[in-house]
Amino acid sequence: MAYVISDACISCGACASGCPVDAIAEGATQYEINADTCIDCGACAAGCPVDAISEG
């Protein structure tokens, strides 16, 4: 199951820069993960400074 970003996201971009498959993009209010592209590696969660990312 793909990772998801919660409302705690501060739109810093750390997750997007750490994603090896470019599955993360800036959305209207926060960053969003494309579930079809996500490979469940966890790099985004490890790089999030506010722990806004978890397994969906």
Protein backbone atom coordinates (compact mmCIF):
# COMPACT_ATOMS: atom_id res chain seq x y z
CA MET A 1 0.00 0.00 0.00
CA ALA A 2 1.30 3.44 -0.90
CA TYR A 3 2.40 5.99 1.65
CA VAL A 4 0.12 8.96 2.38
CA ILE A 5 0.76 12.51 3.54
CA SER A 6 -1.40 13.90 6.36
CA ASP A 7 -2.63 17.44 6.99
CA ALA A 8 0.45 17.94 9.18
CA CYS A 9 2.43 18.53 5.95
CA ILE A 10 4.23 21.90 5.94
CA SER A 11 4.99 21.77 2.18
CA CYS A 12 8.75 21.86 2.68
CA GLY A 13 9.45 19.50 -0.24
CA ALA A 14 11.84 17.20 1.62
CA CYS A 15 9.73 14.18 0.72
CA ALA A 16 9.63 14.98 -3.00
CA SER A 17 13.37 15.46 -3.25
CA GLY A 18 13.97 12.13 -1.51
CA CYS A 19 11.58 10.05 -3.63
CA PRO A 20 13.52 7.75 -6.00
CA VAL A 21 10.59 7.36 -8.42
CA ASP A 22 9.28 10.96 -8.43
CA ALA A 23 5.91 9.88 -7.01
CA ILE A 24 5.46 13.06 -4.96
CA ALA A 25 4.28 16.41 -6.26
CA GLU A 26 3.08 19.67 -4.76
CA GLY A 27 -0.71 19.75 -4.53
CA ALA A 28 -3.09 22.64 -3.92
CA THR A 29 -2.60 22.69 -0.14
CA GLN A 30 0.17 20.17 0.55
CA TYR A 31 2.38 17.61 -1.14
CA GLU A 32 0.67 14.49 -2.49
CA ILE A 33 1.87 10.96 -3.27
CA ASN A 34 0.81 9.24 -6.49
CA ALA A 35 -0.23 5.78 -5.25
CA ASP A 36 0.23 4.25 -8.70
CA THR A 37 3.88 5.33 -8.84
CA CYS A 38 4.84 4.84 -5.17
CA ILE A 39 7.05 1.78 -4.56
CA ASP A 40 6.57 1.75 -0.75
CA CYS A 41 10.25 2.33 -0.03
CA GLY A 42 9.70 4.75 2.88
CA ALA A 43 12.31 7.29 1.79
CA CYS A 44 9.72 10.05 1.98
CA ALA A 45 8.69 9.20 5.54
CA ALA A 46 12.30 9.05 6.66
CA GLY A 47 12.95 12.53 5.26
CA CYS A 48 9.84 14.27 6.61
CA PRO A 49 10.75 16.71 9.41
CA VAL A 50 7.21 16.74 10.87
CA ASP A 51 6.34 13.03 10.56
CA ALA A 52 3.43 13.78 8.24
CA ILE A 53 3.92 10.63 6.13
CA SER A 54 2.76 7.13 6.99
CA GLU A 55 1.87 3.87 5.28
CA GLY A 56 -1.63 4.05 3.88
